């Protein structure tokens, strides 16, 4: 006998049970790419980092000398860097945040809009980092820009405190609630990036500028991807 599961019951089951398929596919992709990094040896890791990690100079180089050895166009790094992670802690941390907030946002957008939102926030985060450090050859990797963008998108509706956030009307961008939450998150992101805090300790470099680029893109542009389109003025 097949039972009917309501929206409220599905959300009560937890993100691992009711996560949209597109979110799970992304997490599987993160895991598979990381396995390819770790199992291929040091030479393979360096090759993947060079060709798929985001080196700002590869994007801004007009003379071509910095990109002469790339196997792929430099602009693809604005997307591919999101699928590389430094270590298992980095991978797990980003995947868990993506699972929780990605699931919430994907239920409102649907699969294709969610894919477009992921692409937009990833590129936005990468572009901001490139603009801040145009001559840098230090690679940026990880899905944090997209995760930050999806978090910013969720701020437009989960802050109402509705039991089912997929039914909540959008909050105006310049509402006090959204602005205060965005300010708190931005200050926290800046502070953690400045002191180099990561889940596994202190001292690691954090591309907090990329986080901010993705976050602002998701926060500001989410109504373009929202199927509800019930923003209040």
C-alpha atoms as a PDB file:
ATOM      1  CA  UNK A   1       0.000   0.000   0.000  1.00  0.00           C
ATOM      2  CA  UNK A   2       1.443   3.360  -1.018  1.00  0.00           C
ATOM      3  CA  UNK A   3       1.046   6.229   1.410  1.00  0.00           C
ATOM      4  CA  UNK A   4       0.948   9.932   0.681  1.00  0.00           C
ATOM      5  CA  UNK A   5       3.659  12.052   2.323  1.00  0.00           C
ATOM      6  CA  UNK A   6       2.826  15.717   2.827  1.00  0.00           C
ATOM      7  CA  UNK A   7       5.284  18.579   2.398  1.00  0.00           C
ATOM      8  CA  UNK A   8       5.495  19.101   6.142  1.00  0.00           C
ATOM      9  CA  UNK A   9       6.130  15.381   6.743  1.00  0.00           C
ATOM     10  CA  UNK A  10       8.833  15.297   4.078  1.00  0.00           C
ATOM     11  CA  UNK A  11      10.632  18.262   5.634  1.00  0.00           C
ATOM     12  CA  UNK A  12      10.426  16.652   9.059  1.00  0.00           C
ATOM     13  CA  UNK A  13      12.253  13.591   7.718  1.00  0.00           C
ATOM     14  CA  UNK A  14      15.501  15.516   7.393  1.00  0.00           C
ATOM     15  CA  UNK A  15      17.681  16.695   4.487  1.00  0.00           C
ATOM     16  CA  UNK A  16      19.224  13.291   3.737  1.00  0.00           C
ATOM     17  CA  UNK A  17      15.791  11.805   3.069  1.00  0.00           C
ATOM     18  CA  UNK A  18      14.068  14.549   1.145  1.00  0.00           C
ATOM     19  CA  UNK A  19      16.980  16.354  -0.515  1.00  0.00           C
ATOM     20  CA  UNK A  20      16.191  17.164  -4.171  1.00  0.00           C
ATOM     21  CA  UNK A  21      17.991  15.006  -6.681  1.00  0.00           C
ATOM     22  CA  UNK A  22      19.955  17.921  -8.142  1.00  0.00           C
ATOM     23  CA  UNK A  23      21.512  18.616  -4.742  1.00  0.00           C
ATOM     24  CA  UNK A  24      22.521  14.983  -4.261  1.00  0.00           C
ATOM     25  CA  UNK A  25      24.013  14.877  -7.769  1.00  0.00           C
ATOM     26  CA  UNK A  26      26.215  17.872  -6.957  1.00  0.00           C
ATOM     27  CA  UNK A  27      27.408  16.282  -3.715  1.00  0.00           C
ATOM     28  CA  UNK A  28      28.194  13.017  -5.498  1.00  0.00           C
ATOM     29  CA  UNK A  29      30.141  15.033  -8.093  1.00  0.00           C
ATOM     30  CA  UNK A  30      32.132  16.760  -5.333  1.00  0.00           C
ATOM     31  CA  UNK A  31      32.963  13.396  -3.776  1.00  0.00           C
ATOM     32  CA  UNK A  32      33.911  11.754  -7.078  1.00  0.00           C
ATOM     33  CA  UNK A  33      36.195  14.604  -8.121  1.00  0.00           C
ATOM     34  CA  UNK A  34      37.863  14.583  -4.718  1.00  0.00           C
ATOM     35  CA  UNK A  35      38.420  10.831  -5.030  1.00  0.00           C
ATOM     36  CA  UNK A  36      40.048  11.431  -8.419  1.00  0.00           C
ATOM     37  CA  UNK A  37      42.307  14.021  -6.790  1.00  0.00           C
ATOM     38  CA  UNK A  38      43.359  11.799  -3.918  1.00  0.00           C
ATOM     39  CA  UNK A  39      43.729   8.483  -5.761  1.00  0.00           C
ATOM     40  CA  UNK A  40      45.658   9.701  -8.769  1.00  0.00           C
ATOM     41  CA  UNK A  41      48.935  10.495  -7.051  1.00  0.00           C
ATOM     42  CA  UNK A  42      50.727  13.797  -6.532  1.00  0.00           C
ATOM     43  CA  UNK A  43      51.289  14.389 -10.228  1.00  0.00           C
ATOM     44  CA  UNK A  44      47.586  14.002 -10.949  1.00  0.00           C
ATOM     45  CA  UNK A  45      46.685  16.306  -8.066  1.00  0.00           C
ATOM     46  CA  UNK A  46      48.984  19.021  -9.406  1.00  0.00           C
ATOM     47  CA  UNK A  47      47.608  18.585 -12.941  1.00  0.00           C
ATOM     48  CA  UNK A  48      44.004  18.911 -11.748  1.00  0.00           C
ATOM     49  CA  UNK A  49      44.852  21.898  -9.569  1.00  0.00           C
ATOM     50  CA  UNK A  50      46.638  23.646 -12.437  1.00  0.00           C
ATOM     51  CA  UNK A  51      43.911  23.024 -15.012  1.00  0.00           C
ATOM     52  CA  UNK A  52      40.766  23.256 -12.887  1.00  0.00           C
ATOM     53  CA  UNK A  53      41.682  25.399  -9.876  1.00  0.00           C
ATOM     54  CA  UNK A  54      41.067  29.133 -10.249  1.00  0.00           C
ATOM     55  CA  UNK A  55      44.365  30.976 -10.770  1.00  0.00           C
ATOM     56  CA  UNK A  56      43.414  34.642 -11.283  1.00  0.00           C
ATOM     57  CA  UNK A  57      46.376  35.306 -13.580  1.00  0.00           C
ATOM     58  CA  UNK A  58      45.210  32.541 -15.908  1.00  0.00           C
ATOM     59  CA  UNK A  59      41.977  34.487 -16.402  1.00  0.00           C
ATOM     60  CA  UNK A  60      43.461  37.963 -16.713  1.00  0.00           C
ATOM     61  CA  UNK A  61      46.581  37.081 -18.709  1.00  0.00           C
ATOM     62  CA  UNK A  62      46.343  38.839 -22.069  1.00  0.00           C
ATOM     63  CA  UNK A  63      49.771  37.844 -23.308  1.00  0.00           C
ATOM     64  CA  UNK A  64      49.031  34.170 -23.138  1.00  0.00           C
ATOM     65  CA  UNK A  65      52.222  33.120 -21.358  1.00  0.00           C
ATOM     66  CA  UNK A  66      50.447  32.067 -18.161  1.00  0.00           C
ATOM     67  CA  UNK A  67      47.871  29.990 -20.011  1.00  0.00           C
ATOM     68  CA  UNK A  68      50.134  28.374 -22.603  1.00  0.00           C
ATOM     69  CA  UNK A  69      50.150  25.023 -20.801  1.00  0.00           C
ATOM     70  CA  UNK A  70      46.461  24.837 -19.944  1.00  0.00           C
ATOM     71  CA  UNK A  71      44.447  22.011 -21.483  1.00  0.00           C
ATOM     72  CA  UNK A  72      41.198  23.978 -21.276  1.00  0.00           C
ATOM     73  CA  UNK A  73      40.151  27.632 -21.775  1.00  0.00           C
ATOM     74  CA  UNK A  74      41.040  29.719 -18.732  1.00  0.00           C
ATOM     75  CA  UNK A  75      37.465  30.984 -18.254  1.00  0.00           C
ATOM     76  CA  UNK A  76      36.277  27.443 -17.468  1.00  0.00           C
ATOM     77  CA  UNK A  77      38.174  27.732 -14.189  1.00  0.00           C
ATOM     78  CA  UNK A  78      35.493  30.140 -12.972  1.00  0.00           C
ATOM     79  CA  UNK A  79      33.250  27.055 -12.715  1.00  0.00           C
ATOM     80  CA  UNK A  80      35.536  24.045 -12.372  1.00  0.00           C
ATOM     81  CA  UNK A  81      37.280  25.335  -9.232  1.00  0.00           C
ATOM     82  CA  UNK A  82      34.070  24.688  -7.287  1.00  0.00           C
ATOM     83  CA  UNK A  83      34.449  20.913  -7.708  1.00  0.00           C
ATOM     84  CA  UNK A  84      37.954  20.703  -6.201  1.00  0.00           C
ATOM     85  CA  UNK A  85      38.545  20.585  -2.448  1.00  0.00           C
ATOM     86  CA  UNK A  86      41.716  20.833  -0.420  1.00  0.00           C
ATOM     87  CA  UNK A  87      41.067  17.891   1.896  1.00  0.00           C
ATOM     88  CA  UNK A  88      38.340  15.719   3.372  1.00  0.00           C
ATOM     89  CA  UNK A  89      37.376  18.315   5.994  1.00  0.00           C
ATOM     90  CA  UNK A  90      36.932  20.962   3.309  1.00  0.00           C
ATOM     91  CA  UNK A  91      34.815  18.579   1.241  1.00  0.00           C
ATOM     92  CA  UNK A  92      32.589  17.472   4.135  1.00  0.00           C
ATOM     93  CA  UNK A  93      32.063  21.010   5.430  1.00  0.00           C
ATOM     94  CA  UNK A  94      30.992  22.369   2.038  1.00  0.00           C
ATOM     95  CA  UNK A  95      28.868  19.310   1.252  1.00  0.00           C
ATOM     96  CA  UNK A  96      26.925  19.530   4.520  1.00  0.00           C
ATOM     97  CA  UNK A  97      26.167  23.226   4.075  1.00  0.00           C
ATOM     98  CA  UNK A  98      25.223  22.571   0.465  1.00  0.00           C
ATOM     99  CA  UNK A  99      22.944  19.707   1.508  1.00  0.00           C
ATOM    100  CA  UNK A 100      21.045  21.792   4.054  1.00  0.00           C
ATOM    101  CA  UNK A 101      20.651  25.124   2.276  1.00  0.00           C
ATOM    102  CA  UNK A 102      20.784  23.741  -1.259  1.00  0.00           C
ATOM    103  CA  UNK A 103      17.826  21.487  -0.473  1.00  0.00           C
ATOM    104  CA  UNK A 104      15.787  24.407   0.846  1.00  0.00           C
ATOM    105  CA  UNK A 105      16.527  26.604  -2.151  1.00  0.00           C
ATOM    106  CA  UNK A 106      16.174  23.855  -4.787  1.00  0.00           C
ATOM    107  CA  UNK A 107      12.622  23.114  -3.634  1.00  0.00           C
ATOM    108  CA  UNK A 108      11.668  26.675  -4.527  1.00  0.00           C
ATOM    109  CA  UNK A 109      13.554  26.927  -7.792  1.00  0.00           C
ATOM    110  CA  UNK A 110      13.280  23.498  -9.383  1.00  0.00           C
ATOM    111  CA  UNK A 111      16.178  21.687 -11.023  1.00  0.00           C
ATOM    112  CA  UNK A 112      17.059  23.922 -13.950  1.00  0.00           C
ATOM    113  CA  UNK A 113      16.759  27.198 -12.077  1.00  0.00           C
ATOM    114  CA  UNK A 114      18.887  25.731  -9.299  1.00  0.00           C
ATOM    115  CA  UNK A 115      21.559  24.736 -11.811  1.00  0.00           C
ATOM    116  CA  UNK A 116      21.546  28.276 -13.200  1.00  0.00           C
ATOM    117  CA  UNK A 117      21.754  29.740  -9.692  1.00  0.00           C
ATOM    118  CA  UNK A 118      24.695  27.464  -8.843  1.00  0.00           C
ATOM    119  CA  UNK A 119      26.475  28.528 -12.022  1.00  0.00           C
ATOM    120  CA  UNK A 120      25.814  32.224 -11.407  1.00  0.00           C
ATOM    121  CA  UNK A 121      26.983  32.260  -7.792  1.00  0.00           C
ATOM    122  CA  UNK A 122      30.047  30.159  -8.575  1.00  0.00           C
ATOM    123  CA  UNK A 123      31.122  32.480 -11.394  1.00  0.00           C
ATOM    124  CA  UNK A 124      30.306  35.585  -9.338  1.00  0.00           C
ATOM    125  CA  UNK A 125      32.472  34.383  -6.472  1.00  0.00           C
ATOM    126  CA  UNK A 126      35.313  33.539  -8.826  1.00  0.00           C
ATOM    127  CA  UNK A 127      35.104  36.861 -10.678  1.00  0.00           C
ATOM    128  CA  UNK A 128      35.209  38.887  -7.468  1.00  0.00           C
ATOM    129  CA  UNK A 129      38.334  37.038  -6.374  1.00  0.00           C
ATOM    130  CA  UNK A 130      39.944  37.580  -9.776  1.00  0.00           C
ATOM    131  CA  UNK A 131      39.123  41.298  -9.663  1.00  0.00           C
ATOM    132  CA  UNK A 132      40.675  41.641  -6.199  1.00  0.00           C
ATOM    133  CA  UNK A 133      43.792  39.577  -7.023  1.00  0.00           C
ATOM    134  CA  UNK A 134      44.210  39.856 -10.825  1.00  0.00           C
ATOM    135  CA  UNK A 135      47.920  38.925 -10.829  1.00  0.00           C
ATOM    136  CA  UNK A 136      47.773  36.088  -8.313  1.00  0.00           C
ATOM    137  CA  UNK A 137      48.863  32.550  -9.147  1.00  0.00           C
ATOM    138  CA  UNK A 138      47.577  31.175  -5.836  1.00  0.00           C
ATOM    139  CA  UNK A 139      44.755  28.792  -6.786  1.00  0.00           C
ATOM    140  CA  UNK A 140      41.251  29.048  -5.323  1.00  0.00           C
ATOM    141  CA  UNK A 141      39.305  25.801  -4.965  1.00  0.00           C
ATOM    142  CA  UNK A 142      36.069  24.694  -3.336  1.00  0.00           C
ATOM    143  CA  UNK A 143      32.320  25.174  -3.626  1.00  0.00           C
ATOM    144  CA  UNK A 144      32.233  27.847  -0.920  1.00  0.00           C
ATOM    145  CA  UNK A 145      31.298  30.616  -3.365  1.00  0.00           C
ATOM    146  CA  UNK A 146      28.253  28.666  -4.543  1.00  0.00           C
ATOM    147  CA  UNK A 147      27.387  27.595  -0.994  1.00  0.00           C
ATOM    148  CA  UNK A 148      27.571  31.229   0.119  1.00  0.00           C
ATOM    149  CA  UNK A 149      25.388  32.246  -2.819  1.00  0.00           C
ATOM    150  CA  UNK A 150      22.772  29.654  -1.974  1.00  0.00           C
ATOM    151  CA  UNK A 151      22.865  30.778   1.649  1.00  0.00           C
ATOM    152  CA  UNK A 152      22.287  34.354   0.484  1.00  0.00           C
ATOM    153  CA  UNK A 153      19.378  33.204  -1.672  1.00  0.00           C
ATOM    154  CA  UNK A 154      17.806  31.426   1.299  1.00  0.00           C
ATOM    155  CA  UNK A 155      17.981  34.628   3.356  1.00  0.00           C
ATOM    156  CA  UNK A 156      15.259  36.036   1.083  1.00  0.00           C
ATOM    157  CA  UNK A 157      12.646  33.637   2.503  1.00  0.00           C
ATOM    158  CA  UNK A 158      13.780  31.491   5.463  1.00  0.00           C
ATOM    159  CA  UNK A 159      14.140  34.526   7.732  1.00  0.00           C
ATOM    160  CA  UNK A 160      10.368  34.834   7.928  1.00  0.00           C
ATOM    161  CA  UNK A 161      10.388  31.815  10.208  1.00  0.00           C
ATOM    162  CA  UNK A 162       7.684  29.959   8.290  1.00  0.00           C
ATOM    163  CA  UNK A 163       7.312  26.284   9.111  1.00  0.00           C
ATOM    164  CA  UNK A 164       7.551  25.463   5.424  1.00  0.00           C
ATOM    165  CA  UNK A 165       9.997  27.949   3.882  1.00  0.00           C
ATOM    166  CA  UNK A 166       9.112  26.785   0.382  1.00  0.00           C
ATOM    167  CA  UNK A 167       5.766  28.543   0.846  1.00  0.00           C
ATOM    168  CA  UNK A 168       7.134  31.765   2.343  1.00  0.00           C
ATOM    169  CA  UNK A 169       6.803  35.002   0.348  1.00  0.00           C
ATOM    170  CA  UNK A 170      10.099  36.621  -0.525  1.00  0.00           C
ATOM    171  CA  UNK A 171      11.430  39.279   1.780  1.00  0.00           C
ATOM    172  CA  UNK A 172      12.348  42.587   0.125  1.00  0.00           C
ATOM    173  CA  UNK A 173      16.077  42.989  -0.396  1.00  0.00           C
ATOM    174  CA  UNK A 174      16.236  46.150   1.693  1.00  0.00           C
ATOM    175  CA  UNK A 175      14.084  44.907   4.524  1.00  0.00           C
ATOM    176  CA  UNK A 176      15.593  45.298   7.973  1.00  0.00           C
ATOM    177  CA  UNK A 177      15.635  41.523   8.498  1.00  0.00           C
ATOM    178  CA  UNK A 178      17.551  40.761   5.305  1.00  0.00           C
ATOM    179  CA  UNK A 179      20.008  43.628   5.728  1.00  0.00           C
ATOM    180  CA  UNK A 180      20.778  42.722   9.337  1.00  0.00           C
ATOM    181  CA  UNK A 181      21.316  39.034   8.528  1.00  0.00           C
ATOM    182  CA  UNK A 182      23.496  39.922   5.538  1.00  0.00           C
ATOM    183  CA  UNK A 183      25.569  42.312   7.654  1.00  0.00           C
ATOM    184  CA  UNK A 184      26.122  39.727  10.383  1.00  0.00           C
ATOM    185  CA  UNK A 185      27.110  37.053   7.864  1.00  0.00           C
ATOM    186  CA  UNK A 186      29.432  39.455   6.010  1.00  0.00           C
ATOM    187  CA  UNK A 187      31.225  40.519   9.180  1.00  0.00           C
ATOM    188  CA  UNK A 188      31.601  36.913  10.288  1.00  0.00           C
ATOM    189  CA  UNK A 189      32.893  35.878   6.862  1.00  0.00           C
ATOM    190  CA  UNK A 190      35.415  38.749   6.876  1.00  0.00           C
ATOM    191  CA  UNK A 191      36.570  37.963  10.399  1.00  0.00           C
ATOM    192  CA  UNK A 192      37.056  34.252   9.752  1.00  0.00           C
ATOM    193  CA  UNK A 193      38.806  34.971   6.457  1.00  0.00           C
ATOM    194  CA  UNK A 194      41.120  37.469   8.101  1.00  0.00           C
ATOM    195  CA  UNK A 195      42.243  35.210  10.939  1.00  0.00           C
ATOM    196  CA  UNK A 196      42.375  32.144   8.685  1.00  0.00           C
ATOM    197  CA  UNK A 197      39.910  29.962  10.562  1.00  0.00           C
ATOM    198  CA  UNK A 198      38.717  26.705   9.051  1.00  0.00           C
ATOM    199  CA  UNK A 199      36.914  23.717  10.576  1.00  0.00           C
ATOM    200  CA  UNK A 200      40.257  21.904  11.023  1.00  0.00           C
ATOM    201  CA  UNK A 201      42.102  24.774  12.663  1.00  0.00           C
ATOM    202  CA  UNK A 202      43.794  28.110  12.136  1.00  0.00           C
ATOM    203  CA  UNK A 203      46.286  29.349   9.603  1.00  0.00           C
ATOM    204  CA  UNK A 204      44.670  28.276   6.307  1.00  0.00           C
ATOM    205  CA  UNK A 205      44.016  30.852   3.606  1.00  0.00           C
ATOM    206  CA  UNK A 206      40.336  31.539   2.968  1.00  0.00           C
ATOM    207  CA  UNK A 207      39.121  33.259  -0.189  1.00  0.00           C
ATOM    208  CA  UNK A 208      36.553  35.299   1.711  1.00  0.00           C
ATOM    209  CA  UNK A 209      36.214  37.704  -1.211  1.00  0.00           C
ATOM    210  CA  UNK A 210      34.911  34.835  -3.348  1.00  0.00           C
ATOM    211  CA  UNK A 211      32.446  33.983  -0.576  1.00  0.00           C
ATOM    212  CA  UNK A 212      31.188  37.557  -0.620  1.00  0.00           C
ATOM    213  CA  UNK A 213      30.837  37.608  -4.398  1.00  0.00           C
ATOM    214  CA  UNK A 214      28.741  34.452  -4.407  1.00  0.00           C
ATOM    215  CA  UNK A 215      26.709  35.541  -1.389  1.00  0.00           C
ATOM    216  CA  UNK A 216      25.758  38.924  -2.850  1.00  0.00           C
ATOM    217  CA  UNK A 217      24.849  37.389  -6.202  1.00  0.00           C
ATOM    218  CA  UNK A 218      22.514  34.901  -4.527  1.00  0.00           C
ATOM    219  CA  UNK A 219      21.051  37.468  -2.156  1.00  0.00           C
ATOM    220  CA  UNK A 220      20.324  40.112  -4.786  1.00  0.00           C
ATOM    221  CA  UNK A 221      19.410  38.001  -7.813  1.00  0.00           C
ATOM    222  CA  UNK A 222      17.477  35.125  -6.253  1.00  0.00           C
ATOM    223  CA  UNK A 223      14.039  36.511  -7.301  1.00  0.00           C
ATOM    224  CA  UNK A 224      15.052  35.828 -10.916  1.00  0.00           C
ATOM    225  CA  UNK A 225      15.204  32.118 -10.103  1.00  0.00           C
ATOM    226  CA  UNK A 226      12.308  31.838  -7.651  1.00  0.00           C
ATOM    227  CA  UNK A 227       9.224  30.066  -8.993  1.00  0.00           C
ATOM    228  CA  UNK A 228       7.029  31.662  -6.331  1.00  0.00           C
ATOM    229  CA  UNK A 229       7.779  35.284  -7.220  1.00  0.00           C
ATOM    230  CA  UNK A 230       5.769  36.597  -4.305  1.00  0.00           C
ATOM    231  CA  UNK A 231       8.068  39.400  -3.258  1.00  0.00           C
ATOM    232  CA  UNK A 232       6.516  42.029  -1.052  1.00  0.00           C
ATOM    233  CA  UNK A 233       7.279  45.693  -1.325  1.00  0.00           C
END
